[in-house]
């Protein structure tokens, strides 16, 4: 599958990956932003495969996991999130890290493809609770460049950390830039 992704991603689509991770990392959260298009899913699958993150799982809205195609999203490593209820997802994901069920997981902090000035903070609480680093990943469509950061330094101040993350993401433009980070 990796060779198919490489051909489609690099040769046909003309994308590149800039990977700033210092080396192999056993456990982490991938914060992916800006999330502005359904195409992000397909670009993300390619990047996950090509950047040696193929065992990374992801969180996505629960409606994607309903028949007839829900099994595909599960088979590709997805975990449904019911955004209409408070389901204690943070504790559940921390427990999955602690048990070894997951080692890497991708999360879009905006929680939607439309512009969202206030990010969800669950990813930060998961990282702190599971004691795993966060790496940032963006898909810059105009440049056809996927960027994966080195581990992002966290503090006990999620709002300040998110503001610094947004500064890192801001220069990169999603598929629909009007819905990107401002």
N, C-alpha and C. Protein backbone atom coordinates (compact mmCIF):
# COMPACT_ATOMS: atom_id res chain seq x y z
N UNK A 1 0.83 -1.20 0.00
CA UNK A 1 0.00 0.00 0.00
C UNK A 1 0.87 1.26 0.00
N UNK A 2 1.99 1.18 0.71
CA UNK A 2 2.89 2.33 0.80
C UNK A 2 3.37 2.78 -0.58
N UNK A 3 3.66 1.83 -1.46
CA UNK A 3 4.14 2.20 -2.79
C UNK A 3 3.04 2.88 -3.61
N UNK A 4 1.79 2.48 -3.37
CA UNK A 4 0.67 3.14 -4.06
C UNK A 4 0.54 4.57 -3.57
N UNK A 5 0.59 4.76 -2.24
CA UNK A 5 0.54 6.11 -1.68
C UNK A 5 1.70 6.96 -2.21
N UNK A 6 2.89 6.38 -2.26
CA UNK A 6 4.06 7.13 -2.73
C UNK A 6 3.86 7.59 -4.17
N UNK A 7 3.37 6.71 -5.02
CA UNK A 7 3.14 7.08 -6.41
C UNK A 7 2.08 8.18 -6.53
N UNK A 8 0.94 7.98 -5.85
CA UNK A 8 -0.14 8.95 -5.93
C UNK A 8 0.24 10.29 -5.30
N UNK A 9 0.86 10.25 -4.12
CA UNK A 9 1.14 11.45 -3.35
C UNK A 9 2.30 12.25 -3.94
N UNK A 10 3.41 11.56 -4.18
CA UNK A 10 4.61 12.26 -4.66
C UNK A 10 4.59 12.49 -6.17
N UNK A 11 4.34 11.45 -6.92
CA UNK A 11 4.46 11.56 -8.39
C UNK A 11 3.25 12.22 -9.03
N UNK A 12 2.08 11.70 -8.77
CA UNK A 12 0.89 12.24 -9.43
C UNK A 12 0.45 13.59 -8.86
N UNK A 13 0.37 13.68 -7.53
CA UNK A 13 -0.14 14.91 -6.92
C UNK A 13 0.95 15.95 -6.69
N UNK A 14 2.22 15.55 -6.65
CA UNK A 14 3.31 16.50 -6.50
C UNK A 14 3.55 17.01 -5.09
N UNK A 15 3.06 16.29 -4.08
CA UNK A 15 3.25 16.69 -2.69
C UNK A 15 4.63 16.28 -2.18
N UNK A 16 5.04 16.92 -1.07
CA UNK A 16 6.27 16.57 -0.36
C UNK A 16 5.95 16.51 1.13
N UNK A 17 6.81 15.83 1.88
CA UNK A 17 6.67 15.78 3.34
C UNK A 17 7.93 16.36 3.95
N UNK A 18 7.76 17.28 4.86
CA UNK A 18 8.86 17.86 5.64
C UNK A 18 8.68 17.34 7.07
N UNK A 19 9.51 16.39 7.45
CA UNK A 19 9.39 15.72 8.75
C UNK A 19 10.48 16.23 9.68
N UNK A 20 10.10 16.96 10.71
CA UNK A 20 11.05 17.58 11.64
C UNK A 20 11.21 16.78 12.94
N UNK A 21 10.62 15.59 13.01
CA UNK A 21 10.78 14.78 14.21
C UNK A 21 12.25 14.37 14.34
N UNK A 22 12.77 14.33 15.56
CA UNK A 22 14.19 14.04 15.75
C UNK A 22 14.56 12.59 15.48
N UNK A 23 13.61 11.71 15.37
CA UNK A 23 13.85 10.29 15.15
C UNK A 23 12.60 9.52 15.52
N UNK A 24 12.70 8.21 15.58
CA UNK A 24 11.53 7.41 15.94
C UNK A 24 10.98 7.79 17.31
N UNK A 25 9.68 7.85 17.40
CA UNK A 25 9.00 8.18 18.65
C UNK A 25 7.96 7.10 18.89
N UNK A 26 7.97 6.53 20.08
CA UNK A 26 7.08 5.41 20.39
C UNK A 26 5.62 5.84 20.56
N UNK A 27 5.38 6.95 21.26
CA UNK A 27 4.02 7.36 21.58
C UNK A 27 3.89 8.87 21.41
N UNK A 28 2.76 9.30 20.84
CA UNK A 28 2.50 10.73 20.70
C UNK A 28 1.11 10.99 20.18
N UNK A 29 0.70 12.24 20.28
CA UNK A 29 -0.54 12.74 19.69
C UNK A 29 -0.15 13.62 18.52
N UNK A 30 -0.81 13.41 17.39
CA UNK A 30 -0.60 14.26 16.22
C UNK A 30 -1.77 15.25 16.17
N UNK A 31 -1.47 16.52 16.32
CA UNK A 31 -2.49 17.57 16.22
C UNK A 31 -2.45 18.07 14.78
N UNK A 32 -3.54 17.84 14.05
CA UNK A 32 -3.61 18.16 12.62
C UNK A 32 -4.51 19.37 12.42
N UNK A 33 -3.97 20.40 11.78
CA UNK A 33 -4.73 21.63 11.53
C UNK A 33 -4.08 22.38 10.37
N UNK A 34 -4.74 23.28 9.71
CA UNK A 34 -6.17 23.48 9.80
C UNK A 34 -6.91 22.37 9.06
N UNK A 35 -8.05 22.00 9.59
CA UNK A 35 -8.88 20.97 8.97
C UNK A 35 -10.01 21.70 8.24
N UNK A 36 -9.86 21.84 6.91
CA UNK A 36 -10.82 22.65 6.16
C UNK A 36 -11.54 21.89 5.04
N UNK A 37 -11.23 20.60 4.87
CA UNK A 37 -11.80 19.88 3.72
C UNK A 37 -11.82 18.38 4.00
N UNK A 38 -12.75 17.70 3.35
CA UNK A 38 -12.76 16.23 3.41
C UNK A 38 -11.50 15.64 2.79
N UNK A 39 -10.87 16.38 1.89
CA UNK A 39 -9.62 15.90 1.27
C UNK A 39 -8.51 15.70 2.31
N UNK A 40 -8.60 16.39 3.43
CA UNK A 40 -7.59 16.24 4.49
C UNK A 40 -7.47 14.78 4.93
N UNK A 41 -8.59 14.07 4.92
CA UNK A 41 -8.57 12.66 5.33
C UNK A 41 -7.66 11.84 4.41
N UNK A 42 -7.81 12.04 3.11
CA UNK A 42 -7.03 11.26 2.15
C UNK A 42 -5.55 11.67 2.16
N UNK A 43 -5.30 12.96 2.27
CA UNK A 43 -3.91 13.43 2.40
C UNK A 43 -3.32 12.86 3.69
N UNK A 44 -4.11 12.87 4.76
CA UNK A 44 -3.65 12.34 6.03
C UNK A 44 -3.32 10.86 5.97
N UNK A 45 -4.13 10.08 5.26
CA UNK A 45 -3.83 8.65 5.10
C UNK A 45 -2.48 8.45 4.40
N UNK A 46 -2.24 9.24 3.36
CA UNK A 46 -0.98 9.13 2.63
C UNK A 46 0.20 9.52 3.52
N UNK A 47 0.07 10.65 4.22
CA UNK A 47 1.15 11.11 5.09
C UNK A 47 1.40 10.09 6.20
N UNK A 48 0.35 9.56 6.78
CA UNK A 48 0.48 8.56 7.84
C UNK A 48 1.29 7.37 7.35
N UNK A 49 1.02 6.91 6.16
CA UNK A 49 1.73 5.76 5.61
C UNK A 49 3.17 6.09 5.24
N UNK A 50 3.36 7.22 4.60
CA UNK A 50 4.68 7.57 4.08
C UNK A 50 5.65 8.09 5.14
N UNK A 51 5.12 8.58 6.26
CA UNK A 51 5.97 9.13 7.32
C UNK A 51 6.14 8.15 8.49
N UNK A 52 5.97 6.88 8.22
CA UNK A 52 6.13 5.84 9.24
C UNK A 52 5.27 6.08 10.47
N UNK A 53 4.02 6.41 10.23
CA UNK A 53 3.06 6.56 11.32
C UNK A 53 1.85 5.65 11.06
N UNK A 54 2.07 4.55 10.34
CA UNK A 54 0.95 3.73 9.87
C UNK A 54 0.12 3.13 10.99
N UNK A 55 0.66 3.04 12.20
CA UNK A 55 -0.15 2.49 13.30
C UNK A 55 -0.90 3.59 14.05
N UNK A 56 -0.82 4.83 13.58
CA UNK A 56 -1.53 5.93 14.25
C UNK A 56 -3.03 5.79 14.01
N UNK A 57 -3.78 5.93 15.07
CA UNK A 57 -5.23 5.92 15.02
C UNK A 57 -5.71 7.36 14.88
N UNK A 58 -7.01 7.56 14.79
CA UNK A 58 -7.53 8.92 14.71
C UNK A 58 -8.93 8.97 15.32
N UNK A 59 -9.29 10.15 15.80
CA UNK A 59 -10.64 10.40 16.29
C UNK A 59 -11.42 11.12 15.20
N UNK A 60 -12.68 10.75 15.03
CA UNK A 60 -13.53 11.40 14.02
C UNK A 60 -14.98 11.37 14.50
N UNK A 61 -15.79 12.22 13.91
CA UNK A 61 -17.19 12.31 14.31
C UNK A 61 -17.89 10.96 14.12
N UNK A 62 -18.76 10.64 15.05
CA UNK A 62 -19.39 9.32 15.10
C UNK A 62 -20.24 9.02 13.87
N UNK A 63 -20.78 10.04 13.22
CA UNK A 63 -21.65 9.78 12.07
C UNK A 63 -20.90 9.09 10.92
N UNK A 64 -19.58 9.22 10.87
CA UNK A 64 -18.80 8.54 9.84
C UNK A 64 -18.77 7.03 10.03
N UNK A 65 -19.06 6.57 11.23
CA UNK A 65 -18.91 5.17 11.56
C UNK A 65 -20.21 4.37 11.44
N UNK A 66 -21.22 5.00 10.86
CA UNK A 66 -22.51 4.33 10.67
C UNK A 66 -22.51 3.58 9.34
N UNK A 67 -23.37 2.56 9.21
CA UNK A 67 -23.47 1.82 7.94
C UNK A 67 -23.85 2.76 6.81
N UNK A 68 -23.47 2.51 5.59
CA UNK A 68 -22.81 1.29 5.14
C UNK A 68 -21.27 1.37 5.16
N UNK A 69 -20.69 2.55 5.41
CA UNK A 69 -19.24 2.68 5.26
C UNK A 69 -18.47 2.76 6.57
N UNK A 70 -19.16 2.69 7.68
CA UNK A 70 -18.50 2.82 8.97
C UNK A 70 -17.36 1.86 9.19
N UNK A 71 -17.51 0.65 8.68
CA UNK A 71 -16.47 -0.37 8.87
C UNK A 71 -15.15 0.07 8.23
N UNK A 72 -15.21 0.84 7.16
CA UNK A 72 -13.98 1.31 6.50
C UNK A 72 -13.22 2.25 7.43
N UNK A 73 -13.94 3.19 8.05
CA UNK A 73 -13.28 4.14 8.95
C UNK A 73 -12.67 3.42 10.15
N UNK A 74 -13.36 2.40 10.66
CA UNK A 74 -12.80 1.61 11.76
C UNK A 74 -11.56 0.84 11.29
N UNK A 75 -11.65 0.23 10.13
CA UNK A 75 -10.52 -0.55 9.60
C UNK A 75 -9.30 0.33 9.37
N UNK A 76 -9.52 1.61 9.09
CA UNK A 76 -8.42 2.55 8.86
C UNK A 76 -7.91 3.18 10.16
N UNK A 77 -8.38 2.68 11.30
CA UNK A 77 -7.86 3.13 12.59
C UNK A 77 -8.68 4.18 13.29
N UNK A 78 -9.92 4.37 12.87
CA UNK A 78 -10.74 5.42 13.45
C UNK A 78 -11.45 5.02 14.72
N UNK A 79 -11.63 6.00 15.60
CA UNK A 79 -12.41 5.86 16.82
C UNK A 79 -13.49 6.94 16.77
N UNK A 80 -14.77 6.55 16.90
CA UNK A 80 -15.85 7.54 16.81
C UNK A 80 -15.95 8.42 18.05
N UNK A 81 -16.29 9.69 17.81
CA UNK A 81 -16.53 10.65 18.88
C UNK A 81 -17.94 11.20 18.69
N UNK A 82 -18.79 11.01 19.70
CA UNK A 82 -20.14 11.56 19.66
C UNK A 82 -20.06 12.97 20.23
N UNK A 83 -20.07 13.95 19.34
CA UNK A 83 -19.89 15.35 19.75
C UNK A 83 -21.12 15.93 20.42
N UNK A 84 -22.25 15.21 20.37
CA UNK A 84 -23.46 15.73 20.99
C UNK A 84 -23.53 15.39 22.48
N UNK A 85 -22.64 14.52 22.96
CA UNK A 85 -22.66 14.09 24.35
C UNK A 85 -21.29 14.28 24.99
N UNK A 86 -21.29 14.44 26.28
CA UNK A 86 -20.03 14.45 27.04
C UNK A 86 -19.78 13.00 27.45
N UNK A 87 -18.83 12.35 26.78
CA UNK A 87 -18.62 10.92 26.99
C UNK A 87 -17.32 10.60 27.71
N UNK A 88 -16.67 11.60 28.28
CA UNK A 88 -15.42 11.38 28.98
C UNK A 88 -14.35 10.79 28.05
N UNK A 89 -14.31 11.30 26.82
CA UNK A 89 -13.37 10.82 25.81
C UNK A 89 -11.93 11.00 26.25
N UNK A 90 -11.63 12.08 26.95
CA UNK A 90 -10.26 12.32 27.40
C UNK A 90 -9.77 11.15 28.26
N UNK A 91 -10.56 10.78 29.26
CA UNK A 91 -10.16 9.67 30.13
C UNK A 91 -10.07 8.36 29.36
N UNK A 92 -10.98 8.16 28.42
CA UNK A 92 -10.97 6.92 27.62
C UNK A 92 -9.70 6.82 26.79
N UNK A 93 -9.29 7.91 26.17
CA UNK A 93 -8.09 7.89 25.33
C UNK A 93 -6.83 7.75 26.21
N UNK A 94 -6.81 8.41 27.35
CA UNK A 94 -5.68 8.25 28.27
C UNK A 94 -5.57 6.78 28.67
N UNK A 95 -6.69 6.15 28.96
CA UNK A 95 -6.69 4.72 29.33
C UNK A 95 -6.18 3.85 28.18
N UNK A 96 -6.54 4.21 26.95
CA UNK A 96 -6.05 3.44 25.79
C UNK A 96 -4.54 3.59 25.65
N UNK A 97 -4.01 4.80 25.90
CA UNK A 97 -2.56 4.97 25.90
C UNK A 97 -1.93 4.13 27.00
N UNK A 98 -2.50 4.21 28.21
CA UNK A 98 -1.94 3.49 29.36
C UNK A 98 -1.94 1.98 29.16
N UNK A 99 -2.99 1.45 28.51
CA UNK A 99 -3.09 0.01 28.31
C UNK A 99 -2.27 -0.48 27.11
N UNK A 100 -1.83 0.47 26.27
CA UNK A 100 -1.10 0.09 25.06
C UNK A 100 -1.99 -0.16 23.86
N UNK A 101 -3.31 0.03 24.03
CA UNK A 101 -4.23 -0.16 22.90
C UNK A 101 -3.88 0.79 21.75
N UNK A 102 -3.49 2.01 22.11
CA UNK A 102 -3.00 2.95 21.10
C UNK A 102 -1.65 3.47 21.55
N UNK A 103 -0.82 3.82 20.56
CA UNK A 103 0.48 4.44 20.83
C UNK A 103 0.56 5.81 20.19
N UNK A 104 -0.23 6.00 19.14
CA UNK A 104 -0.24 7.27 18.41
C UNK A 104 -1.66 7.54 17.95
N UNK A 105 -2.06 8.80 18.05
CA UNK A 105 -3.42 9.14 17.62
C UNK A 105 -3.44 10.55 17.03
N UNK A 106 -4.19 10.71 15.94
CA UNK A 106 -4.35 12.01 15.30
C UNK A 106 -5.66 12.66 15.72
N UNK A 107 -5.59 13.96 16.00
CA UNK A 107 -6.76 14.71 16.45
C UNK A 107 -6.77 16.06 15.74
N UNK A 108 -7.95 16.45 15.26
CA UNK A 108 -8.12 17.80 14.71
C UNK A 108 -8.78 18.65 15.79
N UNK A 109 -8.05 19.59 16.36
CA UNK A 109 -8.55 20.33 17.53
C UNK A 109 -9.71 21.28 17.23
N UNK A 110 -9.92 21.60 15.97
CA UNK A 110 -11.02 22.50 15.64
C UNK A 110 -12.37 21.79 15.80
N UNK A 111 -12.38 20.47 15.61
CA UNK A 111 -13.61 19.71 15.75
C UNK A 111 -14.57 19.85 14.60
N UNK A 112 -14.18 20.54 13.54
CA UNK A 112 -15.03 20.76 12.37
C UNK A 112 -14.17 21.27 11.22
N UNK A 113 -14.74 21.24 10.01
CA UNK A 113 -13.97 21.74 8.85
C UNK A 113 -14.16 23.24 8.64
N UNK A 114 -15.09 23.83 9.32
CA UNK A 114 -15.32 25.28 9.20
C UNK A 114 -14.45 26.03 10.20
N UNK A 115 -14.26 27.32 9.95
CA UNK A 115 -13.45 28.13 10.86
C UNK A 115 -13.99 28.03 12.28
N UNK A 116 -13.10 27.80 13.20
CA UNK A 116 -13.45 27.67 14.61
C UNK A 116 -12.39 28.41 15.43
N UNK A 117 -12.73 29.56 15.99
CA UNK A 117 -11.72 30.32 16.72
C UNK A 117 -11.30 29.66 18.03
N UNK A 118 -12.21 28.87 18.62
CA UNK A 118 -11.90 28.24 19.90
C UNK A 118 -11.71 26.74 19.71
N UNK A 119 -10.49 26.30 19.92
CA UNK A 119 -10.19 24.89 19.77
C UNK A 119 -10.63 24.11 20.99
N UNK A 120 -10.94 22.83 20.77
CA UNK A 120 -11.20 21.91 21.86
C UNK A 120 -9.87 21.71 22.60
N UNK A 121 -9.90 21.49 23.89
CA UNK A 121 -8.66 21.32 24.66
C UNK A 121 -8.41 19.87 25.07
N UNK A 122 -9.29 18.97 24.65
CA UNK A 122 -9.15 17.57 25.04
C UNK A 122 -7.81 16.97 24.66
N UNK A 123 -7.29 17.32 23.49
CA UNK A 123 -6.01 16.76 23.06
C UNK A 123 -4.90 17.14 24.03
N UNK A 124 -4.96 18.35 24.58
CA UNK A 124 -3.95 18.81 25.53
C UNK A 124 -4.08 18.02 26.84
N UNK A 125 -5.33 17.84 27.29
CA UNK A 125 -5.56 17.07 28.52
C UNK A 125 -5.16 15.61 28.35
N UNK A 126 -5.38 15.05 27.16
CA UNK A 126 -4.94 13.68 26.88
C UNK A 126 -3.42 13.59 26.97
N UNK A 127 -2.74 14.52 26.32
CA UNK A 127 -1.26 14.51 26.32
C UNK A 127 -0.72 14.60 27.74
N UNK A 128 -1.28 15.49 28.53
CA UNK A 128 -0.81 15.65 29.91
C UNK A 128 -1.14 14.41 30.74
N UNK A 129 -2.34 13.87 30.57
CA UNK A 129 -2.77 12.71 31.36
C UNK A 129 -2.02 11.44 31.00
N UNK A 130 -1.75 11.25 29.72
CA UNK A 130 -1.05 10.04 29.26
C UNK A 130 0.46 10.23 29.25
N UNK A 131 0.90 11.46 29.50
CA UNK A 131 2.33 11.80 29.49
C UNK A 131 2.97 11.44 28.15
N UNK A 132 2.31 11.92 27.09
CA UNK A 132 2.83 11.71 25.74
C UNK A 132 3.06 13.07 25.09
N UNK A 133 4.05 13.17 24.21
CA UNK A 133 4.28 14.44 23.53
C UNK A 133 3.25 14.69 22.44
N UNK A 134 3.19 15.93 22.04
CA UNK A 134 2.37 16.35 20.91
C UNK A 134 3.29 16.73 19.77
N UNK A 135 2.95 16.27 18.58
CA UNK A 135 3.61 16.78 17.38
C UNK A 135 2.52 17.45 16.54
N UNK A 136 2.88 18.44 15.79
CA UNK A 136 1.94 19.17 14.95
C UNK A 136 2.10 18.71 13.52
N UNK A 137 0.99 18.67 12.80
CA UNK A 137 1.03 18.28 11.39
C UNK A 137 0.07 19.17 10.63
N UNK A 138 0.53 19.67 9.49
CA UNK A 138 -0.32 20.52 8.66
C UNK A 138 -0.18 20.10 7.20
N UNK A 139 -1.25 20.34 6.45
CA UNK A 139 -1.25 20.08 5.01
C UNK A 139 -1.40 21.43 4.32
N UNK A 140 -0.31 21.93 3.78
CA UNK A 140 -0.31 23.23 3.11
C UNK A 140 -0.61 22.98 1.63
N UNK A 141 -1.86 23.16 1.25
CA UNK A 141 -2.30 22.83 -0.10
C UNK A 141 -1.64 23.68 -1.18
N UNK A 142 -1.53 25.02 -1.03
CA UNK A 142 -0.89 25.78 -2.10
C UNK A 142 0.56 25.35 -2.36
N UNK A 143 1.27 24.98 -1.31
CA UNK A 143 2.66 24.54 -1.46
C UNK A 143 2.79 23.05 -1.71
N UNK A 144 1.67 22.32 -1.57
CA UNK A 144 1.67 20.86 -1.66
C UNK A 144 2.73 20.29 -0.73
N UNK A 145 2.65 20.71 0.52
CA UNK A 145 3.64 20.35 1.52
C UNK A 145 2.95 19.93 2.81
N UNK A 146 3.28 18.72 3.26
CA UNK A 146 2.84 18.26 4.58
C UNK A 146 4.01 18.47 5.53
N UNK A 147 3.77 19.15 6.65
CA UNK A 147 4.84 19.43 7.61
C UNK A 147 4.50 18.72 8.91
N UNK A 148 5.48 17.98 9.43
CA UNK A 148 5.35 17.29 10.72
C UNK A 148 6.41 17.90 11.63
N UNK A 149 5.98 18.44 12.77
CA UNK A 149 6.89 19.16 13.66
C UNK A 149 7.66 18.21 14.57
N UNK A 150 8.69 18.77 15.18
CA UNK A 150 9.34 18.12 16.31
C UNK A 150 8.35 18.17 17.47
N UNK A 151 8.58 17.44 18.55
CA UNK A 151 7.67 17.52 19.69
C UNK A 151 7.47 18.97 20.15
N UNK A 152 6.21 19.31 20.37
CA UNK A 152 5.84 20.65 20.75
C UNK A 152 5.87 20.76 22.27
N UNK A 153 6.58 21.73 22.83
CA UNK A 153 6.67 21.83 24.29
C UNK A 153 5.35 22.30 24.91
N UNK A 154 4.87 21.52 25.87
CA UNK A 154 3.62 21.84 26.55
C UNK A 154 3.90 22.40 27.93
N UNK A 155 2.94 23.21 28.39
CA UNK A 155 2.97 23.74 29.76
C UNK A 155 1.66 23.33 30.43
N UNK A 156 1.44 23.79 31.61
CA UNK A 156 0.16 23.55 32.30
C UNK A 156 -0.90 24.58 31.93
N UNK A 157 -0.63 25.38 30.91
CA UNK A 157 -1.54 26.42 30.46
C UNK A 157 -2.02 26.10 29.04
N UNK A 158 -3.12 25.33 28.91
CA UNK A 158 -3.57 24.92 27.58
C UNK A 158 -3.86 26.09 26.64
N UNK A 159 -4.44 27.18 27.16
CA UNK A 159 -4.78 28.31 26.29
C UNK A 159 -3.51 28.93 25.70
N UNK A 160 -2.48 29.09 26.51
CA UNK A 160 -1.22 29.65 26.00
C UNK A 160 -0.57 28.70 25.01
N UNK A 161 -0.61 27.40 25.31
CA UNK A 161 -0.04 26.41 24.39
C UNK A 161 -0.78 26.42 23.06
N UNK A 162 -2.10 26.50 23.11
CA UNK A 162 -2.89 26.52 21.88
C UNK A 162 -2.59 27.80 21.08
N UNK A 163 -2.43 28.92 21.75
CA UNK A 163 -2.08 30.16 21.04
C UNK A 163 -0.74 30.00 20.32
N UNK A 164 0.24 29.35 20.97
CA UNK A 164 1.54 29.12 20.32
C UNK A 164 1.40 28.13 19.16
N UNK A 165 0.55 27.13 19.32
CA UNK A 165 0.31 26.18 18.23
C UNK A 165 -0.31 26.89 17.03
N UNK A 166 -1.29 27.73 17.29
CA UNK A 166 -1.93 28.47 16.20
C UNK A 166 -0.91 29.34 15.47
N UNK A 167 0.03 29.92 16.20
CA UNK A 167 1.10 30.70 15.56
C UNK A 167 1.92 29.81 14.63
N UNK A 168 2.17 28.57 15.04
CA UNK A 168 2.94 27.64 14.20
C UNK A 168 2.14 27.28 12.95
N UNK A 169 0.84 27.03 13.11
CA UNK A 169 -0.01 26.60 11.99
C UNK A 169 -0.36 27.74 11.04
N UNK A 170 -0.48 28.95 11.54
CA UNK A 170 -1.04 30.08 10.79
C UNK A 170 -0.44 30.28 9.39
N UNK A 171 0.87 30.16 9.18
CA UNK A 171 1.39 30.40 7.82
C UNK A 171 0.97 29.34 6.79
N UNK A 172 0.45 28.22 7.25
CA UNK A 172 0.09 27.12 6.34
C UNK A 172 -1.38 27.21 5.98
N UNK A 173 -1.67 27.02 4.70
CA UNK A 173 -3.03 27.21 4.19
C UNK A 173 -3.66 25.87 3.84
N UNK A 174 -4.85 25.64 4.38
CA UNK A 174 -5.60 24.43 4.08
C UNK A 174 -6.23 24.49 2.70
N UNK A 175 -6.94 23.45 2.36
CA UNK A 175 -7.61 23.36 1.06
C UNK A 175 -8.57 24.53 0.87
N UNK A 176 -9.28 24.92 1.93
CA UNK A 176 -10.19 26.06 1.90
C UNK A 176 -9.67 27.10 2.88
N UNK A 177 -8.74 27.95 2.45
CA UNK A 177 -8.06 28.87 3.37
C UNK A 177 -8.98 29.78 4.18
N UNK A 178 -10.15 30.08 3.64
CA UNK A 178 -11.07 30.97 4.37
C UNK A 178 -11.54 30.32 5.68
N UNK A 179 -11.43 29.00 5.79
CA UNK A 179 -11.83 28.30 7.01
C UNK A 179 -10.64 27.98 7.90
N UNK A 180 -9.46 28.48 7.54
CA UNK A 180 -8.23 28.17 8.27
C UNK A 180 -8.05 28.98 9.54
N UNK A 181 -6.88 28.87 10.10
CA UNK A 181 -6.56 29.52 11.36
C UNK A 181 -6.30 31.00 11.12
N UNK A 182 -6.90 31.84 11.95
CA UNK A 182 -6.74 33.29 11.80
C UNK A 182 -5.99 33.85 12.97
